[in-house]
Amino acid sequence: FLTEYGATGVQAALETALFDVLGVTPVFPGGANGLG
């Protein structure tokens, strides 16, 4: 099934809903020393 469809589809459904349909933007807050 994974070979045919690329995944089980559970993660894909959630990520499609948030990132593709809602257009939510993931962003990382950096720190005073770059990342920390």
PDB file of all heavy atoms in Angstrom:
ATOM      1  N   PHE A   1       0.836  -1.203   0.000  1.00  0.00           N
ATOM      2  CA  PHE A   1       0.000   0.000   0.000  1.00  0.00           C
ATOM      3  C   PHE A   1       0.873   1.256   0.000  1.00  0.00           C
ATOM      4  O   PHE A   1       0.622   2.209  -0.745  1.00  0.00           O
ATOM      5  CB  PHE A   1      -0.929  -0.002   1.226  1.00  0.00           C
ATOM      6  CG  PHE A   1      -1.803   1.217   1.314  1.00  0.00           C
ATOM      7  CD1 PHE A   1      -2.928   1.352   0.510  1.00  0.00           C
ATOM      8  CD2 PHE A   1      -1.494   2.251   2.177  1.00  0.00           C
ATOM      9  CE1 PHE A   1      -3.724   2.488   0.573  1.00  0.00           C
ATOM     10  CE2 PHE A   1      -2.286   3.393   2.260  1.00  0.00           C
ATOM     11  CZ  PHE A   1      -3.401   3.505   1.446  1.00  0.00           C
ATOM     12  N   LEU A   2       1.926   1.266   0.842  1.00  0.00           N
ATOM     13  CA  LEU A   2       2.831   2.426   0.899  1.00  0.00           C
ATOM     14  C   LEU A   2       3.519   2.642  -0.451  1.00  0.00           C
ATOM     15  O   LEU A   2       3.707   3.778  -0.891  1.00  0.00           O
ATOM     16  CB  LEU A   2       3.896   2.229   1.986  1.00  0.00           C
ATOM     17  CG  LEU A   2       3.430   2.117   3.438  1.00  0.00           C
ATOM     18  CD1 LEU A   2       4.617   2.106   4.392  1.00  0.00           C
ATOM     19  CD2 LEU A   2       2.502   3.252   3.814  1.00  0.00           C
ATOM     20  N   THR A   3       3.898   1.546  -1.087  1.00  0.00           N
ATOM     21  CA  THR A   3       4.560   1.652  -2.395  1.00  0.00           C
ATOM     22  C   THR A   3       3.620   2.290  -3.416  1.00  0.00           C
ATOM     23  O   THR A   3       4.017   3.138  -4.216  1.00  0.00           O
ATOM     24  CB  THR A   3       5.000   0.250  -2.889  1.00  0.00           C
ATOM     25  OG1 THR A   3       5.845  -0.328  -1.891  1.00  0.00           O
ATOM     26  CG2 THR A   3       5.737   0.336  -4.209  1.00  0.00           C
ATOM     27  N   GLU A   4       2.348   1.882  -3.353  1.00  0.00           N
ATOM     28  CA  GLU A   4       1.348   2.394  -4.305  1.00  0.00           C
ATOM     29  C   GLU A   4       1.024   3.865  -4.050  1.00  0.00           C
ATOM     30  O   GLU A   4       0.929   4.654  -4.986  1.00  0.00           O
ATOM     31  CB  GLU A   4       0.077   1.541  -4.182  1.00  0.00           C
ATOM     32  CG  GLU A   4      -1.087   1.977  -5.068  1.00  0.00           C
ATOM     33  CD  GLU A   4      -0.850   1.710  -6.547  1.00  0.00           C
ATOM     34  OE1 GLU A   4      -0.038   0.827  -6.892  1.00  0.00           O
ATOM     35  OE2 GLU A   4      -1.493   2.397  -7.355  1.00  0.00           O
ATOM     36  N   TYR A   5       0.864   4.258  -2.769  1.00  0.00           N
ATOM     37  CA  TYR A   5       0.343   5.601  -2.464  1.00  0.00           C
ATOM     38  C   TYR A   5       1.354   6.546  -1.789  1.00  0.00           C
ATOM     39  O   TYR A   5       1.029   7.686  -1.494  1.00  0.00           O
ATOM     40  CB  TYR A   5      -0.928   5.495  -1.604  1.00  0.00           C
ATOM     41  CG  TYR A   5      -2.077   4.923  -2.402  1.00  0.00           C
ATOM     42  CD1 TYR A   5      -2.425   3.579  -2.294  1.00  0.00           C
ATOM     43  CD2 TYR A   5      -2.781   5.715  -3.313  1.00  0.00           C
ATOM     44  CE1 TYR A   5      -3.455   3.045  -3.055  1.00  0.00           C
ATOM     45  CE2 TYR A   5      -3.808   5.183  -4.076  1.00  0.00           C
ATOM     46  CZ  TYR A   5      -4.138   3.854  -3.945  1.00  0.00           C
ATOM     47  OH  TYR A   5      -5.155   3.328  -4.710  1.00  0.00           O
ATOM     48  N   GLY A   6       2.579   6.037  -1.545  1.00  0.00           N
ATOM     49  CA  GLY A   6       3.622   6.929  -1.028  1.00  0.00           C
ATOM     50  C   GLY A   6       3.623   7.088   0.483  1.00  0.00           C
ATOM     51  O   GLY A   6       4.591   7.590   1.042  1.00  0.00           O
ATOM     52  N   ALA A   7       2.547   6.702   1.155  1.00  0.00           N
ATOM     53  CA  ALA A   7       2.441   6.807   2.618  1.00  0.00           C
ATOM     54  C   ALA A   7       1.072   6.275   3.018  1.00  0.00           C
ATOM     55  O   ALA A   7       0.238   5.983   2.147  1.00  0.00           O
ATOM     56  CB  ALA A   7       2.596   8.258   3.079  1.00  0.00           C
ATOM     57  N   THR A   8       0.808   6.177   4.319  1.00  0.00           N
ATOM     58  CA  THR A   8      -0.530   5.725   4.748  1.00  0.00           C
ATOM     59  C   THR A   8      -1.574   6.808   4.539  1.00  0.00           C
ATOM     60  O   THR A   8      -2.763   6.534   4.529  1.00  0.00           O
ATOM     61  CB  THR A   8      -0.553   5.345   6.240  1.00  0.00           C
ATOM     62  OG1 THR A   8      -0.373   6.534   7.025  1.00  0.00           O
ATOM     63  CG2 THR A   8       0.507   4.318   6.581  1.00  0.00           C
ATOM     64  N   GLY A   9      -1.123   8.078   4.411  1.00  0.00           N
ATOM     65  CA  GLY A   9      -2.065   9.176   4.151  1.00  0.00           C
ATOM     66  C   GLY A   9      -2.525   9.917   5.401  1.00  0.00           C
ATOM     67  O   GLY A   9      -3.104  10.997   5.290  1.00  0.00           O
ATOM     68  N   VAL A  10      -2.274   9.362   6.599  1.00  0.00           N
ATOM     69  CA  VAL A  10      -2.733  10.044   7.826  1.00  0.00           C
ATOM     70  C   VAL A  10      -1.955  11.340   8.026  1.00  0.00           C
ATOM     71  O   VAL A  10      -2.538  12.414   8.215  1.00  0.00           O
ATOM     72  CB  VAL A  10      -2.612   9.105   9.051  1.00  0.00           C
ATOM     73  CG1 VAL A  10      -2.857   9.866  10.349  1.00  0.00           C
ATOM     74  CG2 VAL A  10      -3.616   7.957   8.924  1.00  0.00           C
ATOM     75  N   GLN A  11      -0.608  11.269   7.967  1.00  0.00           N
ATOM     76  CA  GLN A  11       0.202  12.491   8.070  1.00  0.00           C
ATOM     77  C   GLN A  11      -0.137  13.457   6.935  1.00  0.00           C
ATOM     78  O   GLN A  11      -0.276  14.665   7.148  1.00  0.00           O
ATOM     79  CB  GLN A  11       1.697  12.155   7.990  1.00  0.00           C
ATOM     80  CG  GLN A  11       2.322  11.717   9.286  1.00  0.00           C
ATOM     81  CD  GLN A  11       2.257  12.758  10.376  1.00  0.00           C
ATOM     82  OE1 GLN A  11       1.837  12.464  11.490  1.00  0.00           O
ATOM     83  NE2 GLN A  11       2.630  13.969  10.083  1.00  0.00           N
ATOM     84  N   ALA A  12      -0.267  12.910   5.730  1.00  0.00           N
ATOM     85  CA  ALA A  12      -0.522  13.763   4.558  1.00  0.00           C
ATOM     86  C   ALA A  12      -1.825  14.542   4.711  1.00  0.00           C
ATOM     87  O   ALA A  12      -1.901  15.718   4.343  1.00  0.00           O
ATOM     88  CB  ALA A  12      -0.558  12.918   3.292  1.00  0.00           C
ATOM     89  N   ALA A  13      -2.868  13.894   5.263  1.00  0.00           N
ATOM     90  CA  ALA A  13      -4.152  14.588   5.430  1.00  0.00           C
ATOM     91  C   ALA A  13      -4.024  15.769   6.386  1.00  0.00           C
ATOM     92  O   ALA A  13      -4.540  16.862   6.121  1.00  0.00           O
ATOM     93  CB  ALA A  13      -5.214  13.607   5.926  1.00  0.00           C
ATOM     94  N   LEU A  14      -3.317  15.559   7.504  1.00  0.00           N
ATOM     95  CA  LEU A  14      -3.140  16.632   8.496  1.00  0.00           C
ATOM     96  C   LEU A  14      -2.304  17.773   7.915  1.00  0.00           C
ATOM     97  O   LEU A  14      -2.631  18.953   8.087  1.00  0.00           O
ATOM     98  CB  LEU A  14      -2.458  16.086   9.754  1.00  0.00           C
ATOM     99  CG  LEU A  14      -3.169  14.941  10.486  1.00  0.00           C
ATOM    100  CD1 LEU A  14      -2.346  14.469  11.679  1.00  0.00           C
ATOM    101  CD2 LEU A  14      -4.562  15.365  10.951  1.00  0.00           C
ATOM    102  N   GLU A  15      -1.220  17.412   7.234  1.00  0.00           N
ATOM    103  CA  GLU A  15      -0.313  18.439   6.699  1.00  0.00           C
ATOM    104  C   GLU A  15      -0.945  19.182   5.525  1.00  0.00           C
ATOM    105  O   GLU A  15      -0.749  20.396   5.371  1.00  0.00           O
ATOM    106  CB  GLU A  15       1.009  17.782   6.301  1.00  0.00           C
ATOM    107  CG  GLU A  15       1.802  17.366   7.531  1.00  0.00           C
ATOM    108  CD  GLU A  15       2.831  16.275   7.301  1.00  0.00           C
ATOM    109  OE1 GLU A  15       3.045  15.875   6.131  1.00  0.00           O
ATOM    110  OE2 GLU A  15       3.410  15.817   8.293  1.00  0.00           O
ATOM    111  N   THR A  16      -1.730  18.474   4.716  1.00  0.00           N
ATOM    112  CA  THR A  16      -2.452  19.133   3.622  1.00  0.00           C
ATOM    113  C   THR A  16      -3.431  20.152   4.203  1.00  0.00           C
ATOM    114  O   THR A  16      -3.551  21.274   3.698  1.00  0.00           O
ATOM    115  CB  THR A  16      -3.201  18.093   2.765  1.00  0.00           C
ATOM    116  OG1 THR A  16      -2.245  17.176   2.216  1.00  0.00           O
ATOM    117  CG2 THR A  16      -3.970  18.743   1.638  1.00  0.00           C
ATOM    118  N   ALA A  17      -4.118  19.762   5.286  1.00  0.00           N
ATOM    119  CA  ALA A  17      -5.095  20.662   5.917  1.00  0.00           C
ATOM    120  C   ALA A  17      -4.423  21.932   6.431  1.00  0.00           C
ATOM    121  O   ALA A  17      -4.899  23.044   6.173  1.00  0.00           O
ATOM    122  CB  ALA A  17      -5.806  19.938   7.058  1.00  0.00           C
ATOM    123  N   LEU A  18      -3.301  21.781   7.137  1.00  0.00           N
ATOM    124  CA  LEU A  18      -2.663  22.960   7.742  1.00  0.00           C
ATOM    125  C   LEU A  18      -1.863  23.776   6.732  1.00  0.00           C
ATOM    126  O   LEU A  18      -2.022  24.994   6.644  1.00  0.00           O
ATOM    127  CB  LEU A  18      -1.727  22.541   8.883  1.00  0.00           C
ATOM    128  CG  LEU A  18      -2.319  22.354  10.266  1.00  0.00           C
ATOM    129  CD1 LEU A  18      -1.220  22.320  11.322  1.00  0.00           C
ATOM    130  CD2 LEU A  18      -3.320  23.431  10.636  1.00  0.00           C
ATOM    131  N   PHE A  19      -0.991  23.108   5.982  1.00  0.00           N
ATOM    132  CA  PHE A  19      -0.035  23.851   5.153  1.00  0.00           C
ATOM    133  C   PHE A  19      -0.604  24.236   3.782  1.00  0.00           C
ATOM    134  O   PHE A  19      -0.398  25.352   3.315  1.00  0.00           O
ATOM    135  CB  PHE A  19       1.258  23.046   4.976  1.00  0.00           C
ATOM    136  CG  PHE A  19       1.981  22.777   6.275  1.00  0.00           C
ATOM    137  CD1 PHE A  19       2.471  21.523   6.562  1.00  0.00           C
ATOM    138  CD2 PHE A  19       2.158  23.787   7.209  1.00  0.00           C
ATOM    139  CE1 PHE A  19       3.138  21.270   7.762  1.00  0.00           C
ATOM    140  CE2 PHE A  19       2.810  23.548   8.415  1.00  0.00           C
ATOM    141  CZ  PHE A  19       3.306  22.279   8.690  1.00  0.00           C
ATOM    142  N   ASP A  20      -1.341  23.312   3.141  1.00  0.00           N
ATOM    143  CA  ASP A  20      -1.832  23.598   1.790  1.00  0.00           C
ATOM    144  C   ASP A  20      -3.157  24.348   1.807  1.00  0.00           C
ATOM    145  O   ASP A  20      -3.348  25.291   1.040  1.00  0.00           O
ATOM    146  CB  ASP A  20      -2.000  22.302   0.983  1.00  0.00           C
ATOM    147  CG  ASP A  20      -0.687  21.551   0.815  1.00  0.00           C
ATOM    148  OD1 ASP A  20       0.360  22.136   1.122  1.00  0.00           O
ATOM    149  OD2 ASP A  20      -0.711  20.380   0.400  1.00  0.00           O
ATOM    150  N   VAL A  21      -4.078  23.900   2.671  1.00  0.00           N
ATOM    151  CA  VAL A  21      -5.417  24.497   2.662  1.00  0.00           C
ATOM    152  C   VAL A  21      -5.459  25.786   3.479  1.00  0.00           C
ATOM    153  O   VAL A  21      -5.944  26.818   3.024  1.00  0.00           O
ATOM    154  CB  VAL A  21      -6.466  23.468   3.154  1.00  0.00           C
ATOM    155  CG1 VAL A  21      -7.822  24.113   3.311  1.00  0.00           C
ATOM    156  CG2 VAL A  21      -6.560  22.311   2.159  1.00  0.00           C
ATOM    157  N   LEU A  22      -4.923  25.741   4.713  1.00  0.00           N
ATOM    158  CA  LEU A  22      -4.928  26.958   5.542  1.00  0.00           C
ATOM    159  C   LEU A  22      -3.749  27.882   5.225  1.00  0.00           C
ATOM    160  O   LEU A  22      -3.798  29.063   5.535  1.00  0.00           O
ATOM    161  CB  LEU A  22      -4.878  26.594   7.028  1.00  0.00           C
ATOM    162  CG  LEU A  22      -6.189  26.221   7.724  1.00  0.00           C
ATOM    163  CD1 LEU A  22      -5.949  26.091   9.222  1.00  0.00           C
ATOM    164  CD2 LEU A  22      -7.296  27.232   7.466  1.00  0.00           C
ATOM    165  N   GLY A  23      -2.677  27.327   4.676  1.00  0.00           N
ATOM    166  CA  GLY A  23      -1.514  28.155   4.355  1.00  0.00           C
ATOM    167  C   GLY A  23      -0.695  28.546   5.565  1.00  0.00           C
ATOM    168  O   GLY A  23       0.007  29.567   5.565  1.00  0.00           O
ATOM    169  N   VAL A  24      -0.750  27.738   6.629  1.00  0.00           N
ATOM    170  CA  VAL A  24      -0.022  28.030   7.868  1.00  0.00           C
ATOM    171  C   VAL A  24       1.489  28.039   7.589  1.00  0.00           C
ATOM    172  O   VAL A  24       1.992  27.236   6.802  1.00  0.00           O
ATOM    173  CB  VAL A  24      -0.377  26.975   8.940  1.00  0.00           C
ATOM    174  CG1 VAL A  24       0.540  27.053  10.133  1.00  0.00           C
ATOM    175  CG2 VAL A  24      -1.832  27.144   9.367  1.00  0.00           C
ATOM    176  N   THR A  25       2.211  28.961   8.232  1.00  0.00           N
ATOM    177  CA  THR A  25       3.646  29.141   8.016  1.00  0.00           C
ATOM    178  C   THR A  25       4.437  28.669   9.234  1.00  0.00           C
ATOM    179  O   THR A  25       4.269  29.221  10.321  1.00  0.00           O
ATOM    180  CB  THR A  25       3.963  30.643   7.766  1.00  0.00           C
ATOM    181  OG1 THR A  25       3.166  31.111   6.679  1.00  0.00           O
ATOM    182  CG2 THR A  25       5.429  30.858   7.448  1.00  0.00           C
ATOM    183  N   PRO A  26       5.308  27.663   9.088  1.00  0.00           N
ATOM    184  CA  PRO A  26       6.179  27.287  10.200  1.00  0.00           C
ATOM    185  C   PRO A  26       7.389  28.220  10.262  1.00  0.00           C
ATOM    186  O   PRO A  26       8.004  28.510   9.232  1.00  0.00           O
ATOM    187  CB  PRO A  26       6.602  25.857   9.844  1.00  0.00           C
ATOM    188  CG  PRO A  26       6.451  25.750   8.364  1.00  0.00           C
ATOM    189  CD  PRO A  26       5.474  26.786   7.915  1.00  0.00           C
ATOM    190  N   VAL A  27       7.737  28.680  11.464  1.00  0.00           N
ATOM    191  CA  VAL A  27       8.879  29.593  11.615  1.00  0.00           C
ATOM    192  C   VAL A  27       9.596  29.295  12.923  1.00  0.00           C
ATOM    193  O   VAL A  27       8.970  28.960  13.930  1.00  0.00           O
ATOM    194  CB  VAL A  27       8.414  31.077  11.512  1.00  0.00           C
ATOM    195  CG1 VAL A  27       7.354  31.387  12.538  1.00  0.00           C
ATOM    196  CG2 VAL A  27       9.571  32.047  11.640  1.00  0.00           C
ATOM    197  N   PHE A  28      10.921  29.386  12.896  1.00  0.00           N
ATOM    198  CA  PHE A  28      11.753  29.104  14.069  1.00  0.00           C
ATOM    199  C   PHE A  28      12.248  30.415  14.673  1.00  0.00           C
ATOM    200  O   PHE A  28      12.900  31.195  13.979  1.00  0.00           O
ATOM    201  CB  PHE A  28      12.975  28.276  13.666  1.00  0.00           C
ATOM    202  CG  PHE A  28      12.661  26.926  13.095  1.00  0.00           C
ATOM    203  CD1 PHE A  28      12.498  26.760  11.722  1.00  0.00           C
ATOM    204  CD2 PHE A  28      12.539  25.818  13.912  1.00  0.00           C
ATOM    205  CE1 PHE A  28      12.220  25.509  11.180  1.00  0.00           C
ATOM    206  CE2 PHE A  28      12.257  24.554  13.381  1.00  0.00           C
ATOM    207  CZ  PHE A  28      12.100  24.402  12.009  1.00  0.00           C
ATOM    208  N   PRO A  29      11.962  30.683  15.961  1.00  0.00           N
ATOM    209  CA  PRO A  29      12.567  31.852  16.601  1.00  0.00           C
ATOM    210  C   PRO A  29      14.049  31.577  16.867  1.00  0.00           C
ATOM    211  O   PRO A  29      14.402  30.565  17.474  1.00  0.00           O
ATOM    212  CB  PRO A  29      11.796  31.985  17.926  1.00  0.00           C
ATOM    213  CG  PRO A  29      10.640  31.049  17.828  1.00  0.00           C
ATOM    214  CD  PRO A  29      11.029  29.986  16.850  1.00  0.00           C
ATOM    215  N   GLY A  30      14.906  32.478  16.376  1.00  0.00           N
ATOM    216  CA  GLY A  30      16.339  32.373  16.657  1.00  0.00           C
ATOM    217  C   GLY A  30      16.656  33.027  17.988  1.00  0.00           C
ATOM    218  O   GLY A  30      15.782  33.586  18.651  1.00  0.00           O
ATOM    219  N   GLY A  31      17.931  32.969  18.399  1.00  0.00           N
ATOM    220  CA  GLY A  31      18.323  33.558  19.682  1.00  0.00           C
ATOM    221  C   GLY A  31      19.450  34.544  19.528  1.00  0.00           C
ATOM    222  O   GLY A  31      19.946  34.780  18.421  1.00  0.00           O
ATOM    223  N   ALA A  32      19.872  35.107  20.650  1.00  0.00           N
ATOM    224  CA  ALA A  32      20.909  36.149  20.638  1.00  0.00           C
ATOM    225  C   ALA A  32      22.225  35.622  20.076  1.00  0.00           C
ATOM    226  O   ALA A  32      23.009  36.367  19.510  1.00  0.00           O
ATOM    227  CB  ALA A  32      21.112  36.682  22.050  1.00  0.00           C
ATOM    228  N   ASN A  33      22.459  34.299  20.216  1.00  0.00           N
ATOM    229  CA  ASN A  33      23.695  33.720  19.677  1.00  0.00           C
ATOM    230  C   ASN A  33      23.414  32.969  18.379  1.00  0.00           C
ATOM    231  O   ASN A  33      23.967  31.905  18.153  1.00  0.00           O
ATOM    232  CB  ASN A  33      24.310  32.763  20.708  1.00  0.00           C
ATOM    233  CG  ASN A  33      24.504  33.447  22.043  1.00  0.00           C
ATOM    234  OD1 ASN A  33      24.968  34.572  22.079  1.00  0.00           O
ATOM    235  ND2 ASN A  33      24.113  32.777  23.122  1.00  0.00           N
ATOM    236  N   GLY A  34      22.544  33.509  17.572  1.00  0.00           N
ATOM    237  CA  GLY A  34      22.176  32.838  16.328  1.00  0.00           C
ATOM    238  C   GLY A  34      20.978  31.946  16.543  1.00  0.00           C
ATOM    239  O   GLY A  34      19.854  32.392  16.414  1.00  0.00           O
ATOM    240  N   LEU A  35      21.222  30.680  16.937  1.00  0.00           N
ATOM    241  CA  LEU A  35      20.110  29.746  17.091  1.00  0.00           C
ATOM    242  C   LEU A  35      19.737  29.503  18.544  1.00  0.00           C
ATOM    243  O   LEU A  35      18.609  29.169  18.841  1.00  0.00           O
ATOM    244  CB  LEU A  35      20.457  28.379  16.468  1.00  0.00           C
ATOM    245  CG  LEU A  35      20.790  28.345  14.988  1.00  0.00           C
ATOM    246  CD1 LEU A  35      20.818  26.910  14.511  1.00  0.00           C
ATOM    247  CD2 LEU A  35      19.810  29.146  14.170  1.00  0.00           C
ATOM    248  N   GLY A  36      20.705  29.620  19.439  1.00  0.00           N
ATOM    249  CA  GLY A  36      20.482  29.224  20.826  1.00  0.00           C
ATOM    250  C   GLY A  36      19.838  30.318  21.655  1.00  0.00           C
ATOM    251  O   GLY A  36      19.747  31.466  21.250  1.00  0.00           O
TER     252      GLY A  36
END
